[in-house]
C-alpha cells in the first residue's frame, strides 16, 4: 500500500480532484446548448435514453427522474421499450462518442426523424457531429487523472451532475415540485 493511502490522503485528494474537475467542466458547458436540450426534452412526446457501461447506468437514473417529472421516458435496450418516432427525443451518453452501438443508435434516431441530444466528453467525435443538441464536457488531460480518476470517472461523475441539473431545470419549467415527483416515485417492494 502506498504511504499516502495509510492516512487516507489518496481518498481525500481524489474526491477533491474529481469534484474540482467536474465543476470546472460543468461551468464551461454551453448555456445555449443546455437550454436547447431542455426545450427538446420538455416538448418531446417521449424521451429515449441510451448509454453503454457506466454511462448507461447514469442514463437509467436520468430516465427514472424524467418519469418522476411526469414525462414519458424509456431506456433503449429494455424489452418493453417501443420504437422511437418522429418528434421524440433520444438522449445518448457516450464519453468518447465513438462506440459503434451509440453511433448505430444515433443513425436510427436521425433516420426516424427524432431529436438527438448527445452528452459526450469529445466535441469532435462522430456522435457529436450528428447531434441536434450537443452537451460537451471537456476534461483536459493532466498527470493526476490516471491515478485519481481512472478511465471515464470524470465524464461519468459530470454526467450524473449534469442530468440531475437538467431535471432541476425541467422541474422549474414544468411547474413541478418535489412533492409531485414523489407521487410518481416507484413503490419498492
Protein backbone atom coordinates (compact mmCIF):
# COMPACT_ATOMS: atom_id res chain seq x y z
CA UNK A 1 0.00 0.00 0.00
CA UNK A 2 1.45 3.43 -0.90
CA UNK A 3 2.36 5.56 2.10
CA UNK A 4 -0.31 8.18 1.46
CA UNK A 5 -3.06 5.50 1.43
CA UNK A 6 -2.40 4.62 5.10
CA UNK A 7 -3.70 8.05 6.13
CA UNK A 8 -6.50 8.18 3.56
CA UNK A 9 -4.89 11.09 1.74
CA UNK A 10 -5.31 9.48 -1.69
CA UNK A 11 -9.03 9.26 -0.97
CA UNK A 12 -9.17 12.94 0.02
CA UNK A 13 -7.03 14.05 -2.92
CA UNK A 14 -9.17 12.00 -5.32
CA UNK A 15 -12.52 13.27 -4.08
CA UNK A 16 -11.31 16.89 -4.21
CA UNK A 17 -9.75 16.37 -7.65
CA UNK A 18 -12.93 14.79 -9.05
CA UNK A 19 -15.16 17.49 -7.56
CA UNK A 20 -12.98 20.32 -8.88
CA UNK A 21 -12.53 18.89 -12.38
CA UNK A 22 -16.25 18.09 -12.72
CA UNK A 23 -17.27 21.57 -11.51
CA UNK A 24 -14.83 23.22 -13.93
CA UNK A 25 -16.19 21.20 -16.87
CA UNK A 26 -19.81 21.92 -15.98
CA UNK A 27 -19.03 25.64 -15.59
CA UNK A 28 -17.65 25.64 -19.16
CA UNK A 29 -20.77 23.98 -20.58
CA UNK A 30 -22.51 26.00 -23.30
CA UNK A 31 -25.63 27.56 -21.72
CA UNK A 32 -27.38 27.76 -25.12
CA UNK A 33 -26.86 24.02 -25.64
CA UNK A 34 -28.31 23.31 -22.19
CA UNK A 35 -31.35 25.49 -22.89
CA UNK A 36 -31.83 23.77 -26.26
CA UNK A 37 -31.69 20.33 -24.62
CA UNK A 38 -34.28 21.39 -22.04
CA UNK A 39 -36.65 22.62 -24.77
CA UNK A 40 -36.27 19.36 -26.69
CA UNK A 41 -36.86 17.23 -23.59
CA UNK A 42 -39.86 19.30 -22.47
CA UNK A 43 -41.70 19.11 -25.79
CA UNK A 44 -40.89 15.53 -26.81
CA UNK A 45 -43.79 13.06 -26.66
CA UNK A 46 -41.26 10.52 -25.34
CA UNK A 47 -37.59 10.51 -24.44
CA UNK A 48 -35.36 7.50 -25.04
CA UNK A 49 -32.08 7.25 -23.14
CA UNK A 50 -29.04 5.24 -24.21
CA UNK A 51 -25.58 4.67 -22.82
CA UNK A 52 -23.24 1.72 -22.52
CA UNK A 53 -21.48 0.61 -19.33
CA UNK A 54 -21.39 3.16 -16.51
CA UNK A 55 -22.80 5.82 -18.84
CA UNK A 56 -25.82 3.55 -19.26
CA UNK A 57 -26.29 3.35 -15.50
CA UNK A 58 -26.34 7.14 -15.30
CA UNK A 59 -28.73 7.20 -18.25
CA UNK A 60 -31.11 4.87 -16.42
CA UNK A 61 -31.08 7.19 -13.40
CA UNK A 62 -31.88 10.11 -15.70
CA UNK A 63 -34.77 8.24 -17.34
CA UNK A 64 -36.16 7.45 -13.87
CA UNK A 65 -36.15 11.13 -12.94
CA UNK A 66 -37.81 12.08 -16.24
CA UNK A 67 -40.66 9.68 -15.42
CA UNK A 68 -40.91 11.11 -11.92
CA UNK A 69 -41.30 14.55 -13.54
CA UNK A 70 -44.34 13.22 -15.39
CA UNK A 71 -42.60 12.78 -18.74
CA UNK A 72 -42.62 9.61 -20.80
CA UNK A 73 -39.15 8.04 -20.85
CA UNK A 74 -37.65 4.73 -21.87
CA UNK A 75 -34.24 3.10 -21.70
CA UNK A 76 -33.08 1.80 -25.06
CA UNK A 77 -32.36 -1.91 -24.86
CA UNK A 78 -35.10 -2.81 -22.40
CA UNK A 79 -37.60 -5.37 -23.65
CA UNK A 80 -40.60 -3.05 -23.15
CA UNK A 81 -39.12 -0.05 -24.99
CA UNK A 82 -41.22 0.94 -28.03
CA UNK A 83 -39.86 2.24 -31.31
CA UNK A 84 -38.70 5.84 -31.50
CA UNK A 85 -40.87 8.12 -33.63
CA UNK A 86 -40.56 11.50 -35.32
CA UNK A 87 -40.62 14.25 -32.68
CA UNK A 88 -39.34 12.05 -29.86
CA UNK A 89 -36.06 12.86 -28.12
CA UNK A 90 -33.15 10.47 -27.77
CA UNK A 91 -30.52 11.27 -25.15
CA UNK A 92 -27.23 9.41 -25.67
CA UNK A 93 -24.43 9.46 -23.09
CA UNK A 94 -21.04 8.46 -24.50
CA UNK A 95 -17.72 9.53 -23.04
CA UNK A 96 -15.67 9.07 -26.21
CA UNK A 97 -18.58 9.48 -28.62
CA UNK A 98 -17.23 6.75 -30.86
CA UNK A 99 -18.79 3.47 -29.70
CA UNK A 100 -20.41 1.56 -32.53
CA UNK A 101 -23.60 0.93 -30.53
CA UNK A 102 -24.05 4.65 -29.81
CA UNK A 103 -23.39 5.63 -33.42
CA UNK A 104 -25.75 2.93 -34.70
CA UNK A 105 -28.45 4.17 -32.29
CA UNK A 106 -27.88 7.77 -33.40
CA UNK A 107 -28.17 6.84 -37.07
CA UNK A 108 -31.52 5.14 -36.42
CA UNK A 109 -32.69 8.19 -34.48
CA UNK A 110 -31.81 10.54 -37.31
CA UNK A 111 -33.42 8.23 -39.91
CA UNK A 112 -36.67 8.20 -37.91
CA UNK A 113 -36.71 11.99 -37.52
CA UNK A 114 -36.28 12.16 -33.75
CA UNK A 115 -34.24 14.82 -31.96
CA UNK A 116 -30.80 13.67 -30.80
CA UNK A 117 -29.25 15.06 -27.62
CA UNK A 118 -25.65 13.89 -27.17
CA UNK A 119 -23.75 14.12 -23.91
CA UNK A 120 -20.09 13.38 -24.60
CA UNK A 121 -16.56 14.15 -23.48
CA UNK A 122 -15.39 14.70 -27.06
CA UNK A 123 -16.90 17.51 -29.09
CA UNK A 124 -15.03 16.28 -32.18
CA UNK A 125 -16.46 12.74 -32.04
CA UNK A 126 -18.64 11.12 -34.71
CA UNK A 127 -21.57 11.16 -32.33
CA UNK A 128 -21.14 14.86 -31.58
CA UNK A 129 -21.31 15.75 -35.27
CA UNK A 130 -24.77 14.25 -35.74
CA UNK A 131 -26.37 15.70 -32.59
CA UNK A 132 -29.37 18.02 -32.67
CA UNK A 133 -28.16 19.34 -29.29
CA UNK A 134 -24.60 18.74 -28.10
CA UNK A 135 -23.68 18.79 -24.42
CA UNK A 136 -19.90 18.54 -24.47
CA UNK A 137 -17.81 18.10 -21.34
CA UNK A 138 -14.14 18.97 -21.70
CA UNK A 139 -11.53 17.37 -19.45
CA UNK A 140 -8.00 18.41 -20.39
CA UNK A 141 -5.53 15.65 -19.55
CA UNK A 142 -3.13 16.06 -16.64
CA UNK A 143 -0.73 13.84 -14.70
CA UNK A 144 -3.13 13.26 -11.77
CA UNK A 145 -6.13 11.95 -13.74
CA UNK A 146 -4.93 8.35 -14.31
CA UNK A 147 -4.48 7.59 -10.60
CA UNK A 148 -7.10 9.89 -9.03
CA UNK A 149 -9.92 9.48 -11.60
CA UNK A 150 -9.16 6.45 -13.81
CA UNK A 151 -10.92 5.55 -17.04
CA UNK A 152 -14.17 7.50 -17.53
CA UNK A 153 -14.62 8.62 -13.93
CA UNK A 154 -14.66 12.37 -14.68
CA UNK A 155 -17.14 12.06 -17.54
CA UNK A 156 -19.41 9.76 -15.55
CA UNK A 157 -19.39 11.92 -12.41
CA UNK A 158 -20.08 15.03 -14.50
CA UNK A 159 -22.84 13.24 -16.42
CA UNK A 160 -24.72 12.44 -13.21
CA UNK A 161 -24.49 16.06 -12.04
CA UNK A 162 -25.43 17.40 -15.46
CA UNK A 163 -28.50 15.19 -15.85
CA UNK A 164 -29.63 15.97 -12.30
CA UNK A 165 -29.26 19.69 -13.08
CA UNK A 166 -31.33 19.20 -16.26
CA UNK A 167 -34.02 17.65 -14.05
CA UNK A 168 -33.96 20.73 -11.81
CA UNK A 169 -34.41 22.97 -14.86
CA UNK A 170 -37.26 20.81 -16.19
CA UNK A 171 -38.83 20.80 -12.70
CA UNK A 172 -38.93 24.61 -12.80
CA UNK A 173 -40.03 24.82 -16.45
CA UNK A 174 -42.91 22.37 -15.91
CA UNK A 175 -44.07 23.90 -12.62
CA UNK A 176 -43.45 20.62 -10.83
CA UNK A 177 -42.42 20.21 -7.20
CA UNK A 178 -40.56 17.61 -5.22
CA UNK A 179 -43.93 16.52 -3.83
CA UNK A 180 -45.44 15.99 -7.30
CA UNK A 181 -42.35 13.99 -8.24
CA UNK A 182 -42.62 11.93 -5.06
CA UNK A 183 -46.18 10.92 -6.02
CA UNK A 184 -44.76 9.38 -9.20
CA UNK A 185 -41.87 7.64 -7.45
CA UNK A 186 -41.98 3.86 -7.86
CA UNK A 187 -43.01 1.86 -4.84
CA UNK A 188 -40.21 -0.54 -3.99
CA UNK A 189 -41.13 -3.88 -2.51
